[in-house]
Amino acid sequence: MRTRLDELVIDCADPVRLVRFWTAALGGEPVDREPDWSYVDPPDGRLRLAFQRVPEGKQVKNRLHLDLEVEDIDAEKARLCAEGATALDDLVTDSHGRFQVMLDPEGNEFCLVI
């Protein structure tokens, strides 16, 4: 039997709030299964993101983060900041492309990439 990746679960303080941010970022419809568990299935069969309430707060940098491929980093940065994200540092350009490090409303890192 093969193992299949089912979903990516993000620990958080407020699953209802966070699923709505990520729904705005990725599309789909937010689902609040329980007060402590929400998820979104992005369109086109992409990986489900689930959000689980945990008692402890985020304390250190994520060991895992999401990269979101976008067509226009500046436009997407502005759109997601209006939804509650924060941009960190400056846009980075290297020999492989460009990326902008961002934080979601609970401080989880993700990148906008081209």
N, C-alpha and C. Protein backbone atom coordinates (compact mmCIF):
# COMPACT_ATOMS: atom_id res chain seq x y z
N MET A 1 0.84 -1.18 0.00
CA MET A 1 0.00 0.00 0.00
C MET A 1 0.88 1.24 0.00
N ARG A 2 0.56 2.19 -0.87
CA ARG A 2 1.30 3.45 -0.93
C ARG A 2 0.69 4.46 0.02
N THR A 3 1.51 5.31 0.54
CA THR A 3 1.06 6.40 1.40
C THR A 3 0.84 7.63 0.54
N ARG A 4 -0.24 8.34 0.79
CA ARG A 4 -0.57 9.54 0.02
C ARG A 4 -0.68 10.73 0.96
N LEU A 5 -0.10 11.85 0.58
CA LEU A 5 -0.23 13.08 1.36
C LEU A 5 -1.67 13.56 1.28
N ASP A 6 -2.31 13.71 2.41
CA ASP A 6 -3.73 14.04 2.47
C ASP A 6 -3.97 15.53 2.66
N GLU A 7 -3.31 16.14 3.63
CA GLU A 7 -3.50 17.55 3.91
C GLU A 7 -2.32 18.06 4.70
N LEU A 8 -2.19 19.37 4.74
CA LEU A 8 -1.17 20.03 5.54
C LEU A 8 -1.91 20.74 6.67
N VAL A 9 -1.57 20.40 7.91
CA VAL A 9 -2.25 20.96 9.08
C VAL A 9 -1.35 22.02 9.71
N ILE A 10 -1.92 23.19 9.94
CA ILE A 10 -1.21 24.30 10.55
C ILE A 10 -1.78 24.53 11.95
N ASP A 11 -0.92 24.44 12.96
CA ASP A 11 -1.34 24.75 14.32
C ASP A 11 -1.55 26.25 14.44
N CYS A 12 -2.59 26.65 15.19
CA CYS A 12 -2.90 28.07 15.28
C CYS A 12 -3.75 28.36 16.51
N ALA A 13 -3.99 29.63 16.75
CA ALA A 13 -4.83 30.07 17.86
C ALA A 13 -6.28 30.22 17.44
N ASP A 14 -6.51 30.60 16.17
CA ASP A 14 -7.87 30.90 15.71
C ASP A 14 -8.10 30.29 14.33
N PRO A 15 -8.51 29.01 14.27
CA PRO A 15 -8.71 28.34 12.98
C PRO A 15 -9.71 29.04 12.07
N VAL A 16 -10.78 29.57 12.64
CA VAL A 16 -11.82 30.23 11.83
C VAL A 16 -11.24 31.45 11.11
N ARG A 17 -10.48 32.25 11.81
CA ARG A 17 -9.86 33.43 11.20
C ARG A 17 -8.81 33.04 10.15
N LEU A 18 -7.96 32.07 10.51
CA LEU A 18 -6.87 31.72 9.62
C LEU A 18 -7.37 31.05 8.34
N VAL A 19 -8.39 30.20 8.43
CA VAL A 19 -8.91 29.56 7.21
C VAL A 19 -9.49 30.61 6.27
N ARG A 20 -10.05 31.68 6.80
CA ARG A 20 -10.59 32.72 5.93
C ARG A 20 -9.48 33.51 5.24
N PHE A 21 -8.36 33.74 5.93
CA PHE A 21 -7.22 34.38 5.27
C PHE A 21 -6.73 33.51 4.13
N TRP A 22 -6.49 32.22 4.40
CA TRP A 22 -5.94 31.33 3.37
C TRP A 22 -6.94 31.06 2.25
N THR A 23 -8.23 31.12 2.54
CA THR A 23 -9.24 31.02 1.48
C THR A 23 -9.14 32.24 0.57
N ALA A 24 -8.95 33.41 1.17
CA ALA A 24 -8.78 34.62 0.35
C ALA A 24 -7.51 34.52 -0.50
N ALA A 25 -6.46 33.90 0.05
CA ALA A 25 -5.20 33.78 -0.68
C ALA A 25 -5.28 32.76 -1.81
N LEU A 26 -5.92 31.61 -1.55
CA LEU A 26 -5.86 30.48 -2.48
C LEU A 26 -7.14 30.17 -3.23
N GLY A 27 -8.26 30.70 -2.76
CA GLY A 27 -9.55 30.34 -3.34
C GLY A 27 -10.16 29.19 -2.56
N GLY A 28 -11.32 28.74 -3.01
CA GLY A 28 -12.03 27.67 -2.32
C GLY A 28 -13.02 28.25 -1.33
N GLU A 29 -13.61 27.37 -0.54
CA GLU A 29 -14.59 27.76 0.47
C GLU A 29 -14.10 27.30 1.84
N PRO A 30 -14.16 28.17 2.84
CA PRO A 30 -13.75 27.74 4.18
C PRO A 30 -14.76 26.76 4.77
N VAL A 31 -14.26 25.77 5.50
CA VAL A 31 -15.12 24.81 6.19
C VAL A 31 -14.70 24.81 7.66
N ASP A 32 -15.67 25.10 8.53
CA ASP A 32 -15.44 25.04 9.97
C ASP A 32 -16.06 23.76 10.48
N ARG A 33 -15.24 22.74 10.62
CA ARG A 33 -15.73 21.42 11.01
C ARG A 33 -16.09 21.38 12.49
N GLU A 34 -15.29 22.02 13.30
CA GLU A 34 -15.49 22.13 14.74
C GLU A 34 -14.92 23.49 15.15
N PRO A 35 -15.18 23.94 16.37
CA PRO A 35 -14.57 25.23 16.78
C PRO A 35 -13.05 25.21 16.73
N ASP A 36 -12.47 24.02 16.86
CA ASP A 36 -11.01 23.91 16.90
C ASP A 36 -10.40 23.39 15.61
N TRP A 37 -11.20 23.26 14.53
CA TRP A 37 -10.68 22.66 13.30
C TRP A 37 -11.41 23.25 12.10
N SER A 38 -10.65 23.86 11.20
CA SER A 38 -11.20 24.39 9.95
C SER A 38 -10.28 23.97 8.82
N TYR A 39 -10.81 24.00 7.58
CA TYR A 39 -9.96 23.67 6.44
C TYR A 39 -10.49 24.34 5.18
N VAL A 40 -9.62 24.35 4.17
CA VAL A 40 -9.98 24.82 2.84
C VAL A 40 -9.39 23.85 1.83
N ASP A 41 -10.20 23.50 0.84
CA ASP A 41 -9.74 22.74 -0.31
C ASP A 41 -9.59 23.73 -1.47
N PRO A 42 -8.37 24.17 -1.76
CA PRO A 42 -8.19 25.11 -2.87
C PRO A 42 -8.70 24.50 -4.18
N PRO A 43 -9.09 25.34 -5.12
CA PRO A 43 -9.58 24.84 -6.41
C PRO A 43 -8.52 24.00 -7.12
N ASP A 44 -8.96 23.28 -8.12
CA ASP A 44 -8.07 22.49 -8.98
C ASP A 44 -7.41 21.32 -8.25
N GLY A 45 -8.01 20.85 -7.16
CA GLY A 45 -7.50 19.67 -6.49
C GLY A 45 -6.18 19.85 -5.77
N ARG A 46 -5.79 21.09 -5.49
CA ARG A 46 -4.55 21.30 -4.76
C ARG A 46 -4.69 20.81 -3.32
N LEU A 47 -3.60 20.72 -2.62
CA LEU A 47 -3.53 20.18 -1.27
C LEU A 47 -4.44 20.94 -0.30
N ARG A 48 -5.22 20.19 0.47
CA ARG A 48 -6.06 20.77 1.52
C ARG A 48 -5.16 21.38 2.59
N LEU A 49 -5.54 22.59 3.06
CA LEU A 49 -4.90 23.21 4.21
C LEU A 49 -5.89 23.16 5.36
N ALA A 50 -5.46 22.60 6.48
CA ALA A 50 -6.30 22.51 7.66
C ALA A 50 -5.67 23.33 8.79
N PHE A 51 -6.51 23.80 9.69
CA PHE A 51 -6.06 24.67 10.78
C PHE A 51 -6.62 24.13 12.08
N GLN A 52 -5.72 23.82 13.00
CA GLN A 52 -6.07 23.18 14.26
C GLN A 52 -5.67 24.09 15.41
N ARG A 53 -6.63 24.35 16.30
CA ARG A 53 -6.34 25.18 17.47
C ARG A 53 -5.42 24.40 18.42
N VAL A 54 -4.38 25.09 18.88
CA VAL A 54 -3.47 24.54 19.89
C VAL A 54 -3.33 25.58 21.00
N PRO A 55 -3.01 25.15 22.21
CA PRO A 55 -2.97 26.10 23.33
C PRO A 55 -1.74 27.00 23.32
N GLU A 56 -0.63 26.53 22.79
CA GLU A 56 0.59 27.34 22.82
C GLU A 56 0.65 28.26 21.59
N GLY A 57 1.27 29.40 21.77
CA GLY A 57 1.45 30.35 20.67
C GLY A 57 2.68 30.03 19.86
N LYS A 58 2.77 30.62 18.68
CA LYS A 58 3.96 30.46 17.83
C LYS A 58 5.12 31.16 18.52
N GLN A 59 6.27 30.48 18.60
CA GLN A 59 7.40 31.03 19.32
C GLN A 59 8.65 31.22 18.47
N VAL A 60 8.82 30.44 17.42
CA VAL A 60 10.04 30.51 16.62
C VAL A 60 9.68 30.47 15.13
N LYS A 61 10.68 30.66 14.31
CA LYS A 61 10.50 30.60 12.86
C LYS A 61 9.99 29.22 12.45
N ASN A 62 9.09 29.20 11.47
CA ASN A 62 8.59 27.93 10.93
C ASN A 62 9.73 27.10 10.37
N ARG A 63 9.65 25.80 10.52
CA ARG A 63 10.60 24.89 9.88
C ARG A 63 10.09 24.49 8.50
N LEU A 64 8.85 24.84 8.19
CA LEU A 64 8.21 24.53 6.93
C LEU A 64 7.41 25.76 6.54
N HIS A 65 7.44 26.14 5.27
CA HIS A 65 6.60 27.25 4.84
C HIS A 65 6.07 26.98 3.44
N LEU A 66 5.04 27.71 3.07
CA LEU A 66 4.43 27.56 1.75
C LEU A 66 5.01 28.59 0.80
N ASP A 67 5.25 28.20 -0.44
CA ASP A 67 5.60 29.12 -1.52
C ASP A 67 4.40 29.22 -2.44
N LEU A 68 3.93 30.44 -2.66
CA LEU A 68 2.79 30.68 -3.53
C LEU A 68 3.28 31.32 -4.82
N GLU A 69 3.12 30.62 -5.93
CA GLU A 69 3.54 31.16 -7.22
C GLU A 69 2.50 32.18 -7.67
N VAL A 70 2.97 33.38 -8.01
CA VAL A 70 2.09 34.47 -8.42
C VAL A 70 2.61 35.09 -9.71
N GLU A 71 1.76 35.83 -10.38
CA GLU A 71 2.18 36.53 -11.61
C GLU A 71 2.80 37.88 -11.30
N ASP A 72 2.31 38.56 -10.24
CA ASP A 72 2.76 39.90 -9.90
C ASP A 72 2.93 39.97 -8.38
N ILE A 73 4.17 39.94 -7.92
CA ILE A 73 4.43 39.92 -6.48
C ILE A 73 3.89 41.16 -5.80
N ASP A 74 4.11 42.34 -6.37
CA ASP A 74 3.66 43.58 -5.73
C ASP A 74 2.14 43.62 -5.57
N ALA A 75 1.42 43.22 -6.60
CA ALA A 75 -0.04 43.23 -6.53
C ALA A 75 -0.54 42.21 -5.51
N GLU A 76 0.05 41.02 -5.50
CA GLU A 76 -0.39 39.99 -4.56
C GLU A 76 -0.02 40.37 -3.13
N LYS A 77 1.14 40.99 -2.96
CA LYS A 77 1.54 41.46 -1.63
C LYS A 77 0.53 42.47 -1.11
N ALA A 78 0.13 43.42 -1.93
CA ALA A 78 -0.85 44.42 -1.51
C ALA A 78 -2.19 43.77 -1.18
N ARG A 79 -2.62 42.83 -2.02
CA ARG A 79 -3.91 42.17 -1.80
C ARG A 79 -3.91 41.38 -0.50
N LEU A 80 -2.84 40.62 -0.25
CA LEU A 80 -2.79 39.80 0.97
C LEU A 80 -2.55 40.64 2.22
N CYS A 81 -1.84 41.74 2.10
CA CYS A 81 -1.70 42.65 3.25
C CYS A 81 -3.06 43.23 3.63
N ALA A 82 -3.90 43.51 2.65
CA ALA A 82 -5.25 43.99 2.94
C ALA A 82 -6.09 42.92 3.65
N GLU A 83 -5.72 41.65 3.48
CA GLU A 83 -6.42 40.53 4.14
C GLU A 83 -5.82 40.19 5.50
N GLY A 84 -4.73 40.86 5.89
CA GLY A 84 -4.15 40.62 7.21
C GLY A 84 -2.72 40.12 7.22
N ALA A 85 -2.11 39.93 6.05
CA ALA A 85 -0.71 39.48 5.98
C ALA A 85 0.23 40.66 6.25
N THR A 86 1.49 40.33 6.49
CA THR A 86 2.53 41.33 6.67
C THR A 86 3.71 40.94 5.79
N ALA A 87 4.29 41.92 5.11
CA ALA A 87 5.49 41.68 4.31
C ALA A 87 6.72 41.82 5.20
N LEU A 88 7.67 40.91 5.06
CA LEU A 88 8.94 40.98 5.78
C LEU A 88 10.04 41.39 4.83
N ASP A 89 10.89 42.27 5.29
CA ASP A 89 12.07 42.67 4.53
C ASP A 89 11.70 43.12 3.12
N ASP A 90 12.70 43.15 2.26
CA ASP A 90 12.51 43.61 0.89
C ASP A 90 12.35 42.42 -0.04
N LEU A 91 11.87 42.70 -1.24
CA LEU A 91 11.80 41.71 -2.29
C LEU A 91 13.21 41.20 -2.58
N VAL A 92 13.37 39.89 -2.71
CA VAL A 92 14.67 39.30 -2.99
C VAL A 92 14.71 38.86 -4.44
N THR A 93 15.77 39.22 -5.13
CA THR A 93 16.00 38.78 -6.50
C THR A 93 17.32 38.05 -6.54
N ASP A 94 17.29 36.83 -7.11
CA ASP A 94 18.53 36.08 -7.27
C ASP A 94 18.53 35.44 -8.65
N SER A 95 19.48 34.56 -8.89
CA SER A 95 19.62 33.97 -10.22
C SER A 95 18.46 33.03 -10.58
N HIS A 96 17.62 32.66 -9.62
CA HIS A 96 16.51 31.74 -9.87
C HIS A 96 15.16 32.43 -9.96
N GLY A 97 15.10 33.71 -9.64
CA GLY A 97 13.83 34.41 -9.70
C GLY A 97 13.71 35.45 -8.59
N ARG A 98 12.46 35.71 -8.20
CA ARG A 98 12.20 36.71 -7.16
C ARG A 98 11.24 36.11 -6.13
N PHE A 99 11.39 36.57 -4.88
CA PHE A 99 10.45 36.16 -3.84
C PHE A 99 10.32 37.21 -2.77
N GLN A 100 9.16 37.21 -2.13
CA GLN A 100 8.85 38.12 -1.03
C GLN A 100 8.42 37.27 0.16
N VAL A 101 9.12 37.39 1.28
CA VAL A 101 8.73 36.68 2.50
C VAL A 101 7.57 37.43 3.15
N MET A 102 6.55 36.66 3.55
CA MET A 102 5.34 37.22 4.13
C MET A 102 5.02 36.48 5.43
N LEU A 103 4.14 37.08 6.24
CA LEU A 103 3.57 36.43 7.42
C LEU A 103 2.07 36.44 7.30
N ASP A 104 1.42 35.31 7.63
CA ASP A 104 -0.04 35.31 7.68
C ASP A 104 -0.49 36.01 8.97
N PRO A 105 -1.79 36.15 9.23
CA PRO A 105 -2.23 36.90 10.41
C PRO A 105 -1.75 36.35 11.75
N GLU A 106 -1.30 35.10 11.81
CA GLU A 106 -0.77 34.56 13.07
C GLU A 106 0.75 34.45 13.06
N GLY A 107 1.40 35.01 12.04
CA GLY A 107 2.85 35.04 12.01
C GLY A 107 3.52 33.85 11.36
N ASN A 108 2.75 33.01 10.66
CA ASN A 108 3.33 31.89 9.93
C ASN A 108 3.93 32.39 8.62
N GLU A 109 5.19 32.02 8.36
CA GLU A 109 5.87 32.49 7.17
C GLU A 109 5.39 31.78 5.91
N PHE A 110 5.33 32.54 4.83
CA PHE A 110 5.11 32.01 3.49
C PHE A 110 5.78 32.94 2.51
N CYS A 111 5.99 32.51 1.29
CA CYS A 111 6.65 33.35 0.29
C CYS A 111 5.79 33.49 -0.95
N LEU A 112 5.82 34.66 -1.53
CA LEU A 112 5.27 34.89 -2.87
C LEU A 112 6.46 34.76 -3.82
N VAL A 113 6.32 33.93 -4.85
CA VAL A 113 7.45 33.65 -5.72
C VAL A 113 7.06 33.81 -7.19
N ILE A 114 8.06 34.16 -7.97
CA ILE A 114 7.92 34.18 -9.44
C ILE A 114 9.03 33.29 -9.97
